[in-house]
Amino acid sequence: MRYLDEKSGSRFPFQVLAPPSSGCGLSTTIPNANRNYMKHFIITSKTIAILSFAIGTILFILQLYRFNSGNLIHTGIIFIMSAVIINTISLLVLLFGLLGNTDKLEILKTIGIVLANIPIAIIYFYLLINFL
């Protein structure tokens, strides 16, 4: 195993080097890590919202063609419950991300994408209840 700092004789596989201008280096690395985390979470939230919409639409179309399929109804209910939980967690993290992040516009757009699934789900539910 090679060690990063063989000259100083350090036996640790990794050695943290702080920038010379900062006392310990922590104040310069935490904001960048938080910003990168939020960028990745924005992409993840958009992906979750789009997948929720796609899977919900597929289940809706399948229910239109199989009018009284009990298995499909149970699958849809389980999907809706899990999608609500996952999207709510995503929405809460995004809302807390608004507090200290500088990329507020991108977070607000992502919140809009996540929230757009609510009226779509209500319309799907209304159509299934009233027309089937």
C-alpha atoms as a PDB file:
ATOM      1  CA  MET A   1       0.000   0.000   0.000  1.00  0.00           C
ATOM      2  CA  ARG A   2       1.379   3.391  -0.958  1.00  0.00           C
ATOM      3  CA  TYR A   3       1.056   6.284   1.390  1.00  0.00           C
ATOM      4  CA  LEU A   4       0.419   9.804   0.193  1.00  0.00           C
ATOM      5  CA  ASP A   5       3.088  11.382   2.336  1.00  0.00           C
ATOM      6  CA  GLU A   6       6.107   9.091   2.288  1.00  0.00           C
ATOM      7  CA  LYS A   7       8.579  11.941   2.981  1.00  0.00           C
ATOM      8  CA  SER A   8       7.182  12.829   6.397  1.00  0.00           C
ATOM      9  CA  GLY A   9       6.877   9.209   7.421  1.00  0.00           C
ATOM     10  CA  SER A  10       3.140   9.415   8.014  1.00  0.00           C
ATOM     11  CA  ARG A  11       1.599   5.978   8.375  1.00  0.00           C
ATOM     12  CA  PHE A  12      -1.898   7.172   7.424  1.00  0.00           C
ATOM     13  CA  PRO A  13      -3.018   6.292   3.884  1.00  0.00           C
ATOM     14  CA  PHE A  14      -4.447   9.775   3.421  1.00  0.00           C
ATOM     15  CA  GLN A  15      -3.175  13.046   4.736  1.00  0.00           C
ATOM     16  CA  VAL A  16      -5.350  16.156   4.812  1.00  0.00           C
ATOM     17  CA  LEU A  17      -3.453  19.252   3.786  1.00  0.00           C
ATOM     18  CA  ALA A  18      -5.033  22.558   4.746  1.00  0.00           C
ATOM     19  CA  PRO A  19      -4.534  25.592   2.495  1.00  0.00           C
ATOM     20  CA  PRO A  20      -1.875  27.934   3.902  1.00  0.00           C
ATOM     21  CA  SER A  21      -4.219  30.919   4.126  1.00  0.00           C
ATOM     22  CA  SER A  22      -6.853  29.199   6.246  1.00  0.00           C
ATOM     23  CA  GLY A  23      -6.304  27.999   9.754  1.00  0.00           C
ATOM     24  CA  CYS A  24      -7.580  24.450   9.365  1.00  0.00           C
ATOM     25  CA  GLY A  25      -9.027  24.378   5.870  1.00  0.00           C
ATOM     26  CA  LEU A  26     -12.506  23.334   6.961  1.00  0.00           C
ATOM     27  CA  SER A  27     -14.139  26.679   6.289  1.00  0.00           C
ATOM     28  CA  THR A  28     -13.118  26.544   2.621  1.00  0.00           C
ATOM     29  CA  THR A  29     -14.224  22.984   1.900  1.00  0.00           C
ATOM     30  CA  ILE A  30     -17.637  22.705   3.561  1.00  0.00           C
ATOM     31  CA  PRO A  31     -19.525  25.285   1.397  1.00  0.00           C
ATOM     32  CA  ASN A  32     -18.244  23.690  -1.818  1.00  0.00           C
ATOM     33  CA  ALA A  33     -19.272  20.244  -0.617  1.00  0.00           C
ATOM     34  CA  ASN A  34     -22.728  21.562   0.294  1.00  0.00           C
ATOM     35  CA  ARG A  35     -23.136  23.201  -3.117  1.00  0.00           C
ATOM     36  CA  ASN A  36     -22.104  20.011  -4.928  1.00  0.00           C
ATOM     37  CA  TYR A  37     -24.424  17.955  -2.732  1.00  0.00           C
ATOM     38  CA  MET A  38     -27.328  20.261  -3.569  1.00  0.00           C
ATOM     39  CA  LYS A  39     -26.593  20.109  -7.318  1.00  0.00           C
ATOM     40  CA  HIS A  40     -26.637  16.316  -7.172  1.00  0.00           C
ATOM     41  CA  PHE A  41     -29.811  16.340  -5.100  1.00  0.00           C
ATOM     42  CA  ILE A  42     -31.522  18.678  -7.589  1.00  0.00           C
ATOM     43  CA  ILE A  43     -30.739  16.228 -10.397  1.00  0.00           C
ATOM     44  CA  THR A  44     -31.919  13.314  -8.247  1.00  0.00           C
ATOM     45  CA  SER A  45     -35.167  15.105  -7.344  1.00  0.00           C
ATOM     46  CA  LYS A  46     -35.909  15.871 -10.989  1.00  0.00           C
ATOM     47  CA  THR A  47     -35.243  12.238 -11.900  1.00  0.00           C
ATOM     48  CA  ILE A  48     -37.517  10.999  -9.105  1.00  0.00           C
ATOM     49  CA  ALA A  49     -40.308  13.367 -10.180  1.00  0.00           C
ATOM     50  CA  ILE A  50     -40.045  12.376 -13.849  1.00  0.00           C
ATOM     51  CA  LEU A  51     -39.952   8.669 -12.993  1.00  0.00           C
ATOM     52  CA  SER A  52     -42.974   9.098 -10.701  1.00  0.00           C
ATOM     53  CA  PHE A  53     -44.856  10.766 -13.538  1.00  0.00           C
ATOM     54  CA  ALA A  54     -43.841   8.114 -16.080  1.00  0.00           C
ATOM     55  CA  ILE A  55     -44.685   5.138 -13.875  1.00  0.00           C
ATOM     56  CA  GLY A  56     -47.972   6.747 -12.785  1.00  0.00           C
ATOM     57  CA  THR A  57     -48.915   7.407 -16.404  1.00  0.00           C
ATOM     58  CA  ILE A  58     -48.094   3.825 -17.396  1.00  0.00           C
ATOM     59  CA  LEU A  59     -50.231   2.483 -14.546  1.00  0.00           C
ATOM     60  CA  PHE A  60     -53.058   4.873 -15.528  1.00  0.00           C
ATOM     61  CA  ILE A  61     -52.985   3.741 -19.173  1.00  0.00           C
ATOM     62  CA  LEU A  62     -52.862   0.080 -18.172  1.00  0.00           C
ATOM     63  CA  GLN A  63     -55.876   0.594 -15.894  1.00  0.00           C
ATOM     64  CA  LEU A  64     -57.798   2.183 -18.779  1.00  0.00           C
ATOM     65  CA  TYR A  65     -57.306  -0.962 -20.860  1.00  0.00           C
ATOM     66  CA  ARG A  66     -57.880  -3.442 -18.007  1.00  0.00           C
ATOM     67  CA  PHE A  67     -61.009  -2.045 -16.432  1.00  0.00           C
ATOM     68  CA  ASN A  68     -61.357  -4.183 -13.304  1.00  0.00           C
ATOM     69  CA  SER A  69     -57.901  -5.520 -12.667  1.00  0.00           C
ATOM     70  CA  GLY A  70     -57.571  -5.956  -8.889  1.00  0.00           C
ATOM     71  CA  ASN A  71     -53.830  -6.608  -9.045  1.00  0.00           C
ATOM     72  CA  LEU A  72     -53.254  -3.402 -10.971  1.00  0.00           C
ATOM     73  CA  ILE A  73     -55.270  -1.410  -8.444  1.00  0.00           C
ATOM     74  CA  HIS A  74     -53.191  -2.792  -5.567  1.00  0.00           C
ATOM     75  CA  THR A  75     -49.983  -2.079  -7.480  1.00  0.00           C
ATOM     76  CA  GLY A  76     -51.172   1.475  -8.140  1.00  0.00           C
ATOM     77  CA  ILE A  77     -52.024   2.080  -4.494  1.00  0.00           C
ATOM     78  CA  ILE A  78     -48.624   0.812  -3.334  1.00  0.00           C
ATOM     79  CA  PHE A  79     -46.921   2.948  -5.982  1.00  0.00           C
ATOM     80  CA  ILE A  80     -48.867   6.058  -4.959  1.00  0.00           C
ATOM     81  CA  MET A  81     -48.038   5.593  -1.266  1.00  0.00           C
ATOM     82  CA  SER A  82     -44.341   5.084  -1.939  1.00  0.00           C
ATOM     83  CA  ALA A  83     -44.206   7.955  -4.456  1.00  0.00           C
ATOM     84  CA  VAL A  84     -45.867  10.312  -1.966  1.00  0.00           C
ATOM     85  CA  ILE A  85     -43.342   9.408   0.738  1.00  0.00           C
ATOM     86  CA  ILE A  86     -40.290   9.679  -1.538  1.00  0.00           C
ATOM     87  CA  ASN A  87     -41.425  12.908  -3.217  1.00  0.00           C
ATOM     88  CA  THR A  88     -42.324  14.474   0.148  1.00  0.00           C
ATOM     89  CA  ILE A  89     -38.852  13.737   1.502  1.00  0.00           C
ATOM     90  CA  SER A  90     -37.354  15.173  -1.670  1.00  0.00           C
ATOM     91  CA  LEU A  91     -39.537  18.276  -1.391  1.00  0.00           C
ATOM     92  CA  LEU A  92     -38.579  18.836   2.248  1.00  0.00           C
ATOM     93  CA  VAL A  93     -34.861  18.578   1.482  1.00  0.00           C
ATOM     94  CA  LEU A  94     -35.289  21.045  -1.382  1.00  0.00           C
ATOM     95  CA  LEU A  95     -37.186  23.466   0.857  1.00  0.00           C
ATOM     96  CA  PHE A  96     -34.434  23.304   3.473  1.00  0.00           C
ATOM     97  CA  GLY A  97     -31.921  23.764   0.661  1.00  0.00           C
ATOM     98  CA  LEU A  98     -33.474  27.146  -0.081  1.00  0.00           C
ATOM     99  CA  LEU A  99     -32.320  28.453   3.292  1.00  0.00           C
ATOM    100  CA  GLY A 100     -28.596  28.603   2.734  1.00  0.00           C
ATOM    101  CA  ASN A 101     -28.022  27.939  -0.948  1.00  0.00           C
ATOM    102  CA  THR A 102     -27.199  30.513  -3.604  1.00  0.00           C
ATOM    103  CA  ASP A 103     -28.795  28.539  -6.447  1.00  0.00           C
ATOM    104  CA  LYS A 104     -32.347  29.363  -5.353  1.00  0.00           C
ATOM    105  CA  LEU A 105     -33.824  29.625  -8.867  1.00  0.00           C
ATOM    106  CA  GLU A 106     -32.754  26.084  -9.781  1.00  0.00           C
ATOM    107  CA  ILE A 107     -34.134  24.753  -6.497  1.00  0.00           C
ATOM    108  CA  LEU A 108     -37.455  26.545  -7.101  1.00  0.00           C
ATOM    109  CA  LYS A 109     -37.690  25.065 -10.600  1.00  0.00           C
ATOM    110  CA  THR A 110     -37.089  21.606  -9.169  1.00  0.00           C
ATOM    111  CA  ILE A 111     -39.737  22.172  -6.490  1.00  0.00           C
ATOM    112  CA  GLY A 112     -42.145  23.115  -9.289  1.00  0.00           C
ATOM    113  CA  ILE A 113     -41.375  19.891 -11.147  1.00  0.00           C
ATOM    114  CA  VAL A 114     -41.923  17.827  -8.002  1.00  0.00           C
ATOM    115  CA  LEU A 115     -45.186  19.641  -7.192  1.00  0.00           C
ATOM    116  CA  ALA A 116     -46.469  19.280 -10.765  1.00  0.00           C
ATOM    117  CA  ASN A 117     -47.131  15.596 -10.085  1.00  0.00           C
ATOM    118  CA  ILE A 118     -49.871  16.436  -7.565  1.00  0.00           C
ATOM    119  CA  PRO A 119     -52.482  17.881  -9.975  1.00  0.00           C
ATOM    120  CA  ILE A 120     -51.632  15.209 -12.549  1.00  0.00           C
ATOM    121  CA  ALA A 121     -52.282  12.465  -9.994  1.00  0.00           C
ATOM    122  CA  ILE A 122     -55.564  14.126  -8.988  1.00  0.00           C
ATOM    123  CA  ILE A 123     -56.681  14.301 -12.629  1.00  0.00           C
ATOM    124  CA  TYR A 124     -55.791  10.630 -13.181  1.00  0.00           C
ATOM    125  CA  PHE A 125     -57.686   9.652 -10.039  1.00  0.00           C
ATOM    126  CA  TYR A 126     -60.723  11.734 -11.034  1.00  0.00           C
ATOM    127  CA  LEU A 127     -60.805  10.187 -14.521  1.00  0.00           C
ATOM    128  CA  LEU A 128     -60.531   6.642 -13.179  1.00  0.00           C
ATOM    129  CA  ILE A 129     -63.241   7.102 -10.560  1.00  0.00           C
ATOM    130  CA  ASN A 130     -65.745   8.920 -12.747  1.00  0.00           C
ATOM    131  CA  PHE A 131     -65.345   7.215 -16.099  1.00  0.00           C
ATOM    132  CA  LEU A 132     -64.633   3.584 -15.235  1.00  0.00           C
END
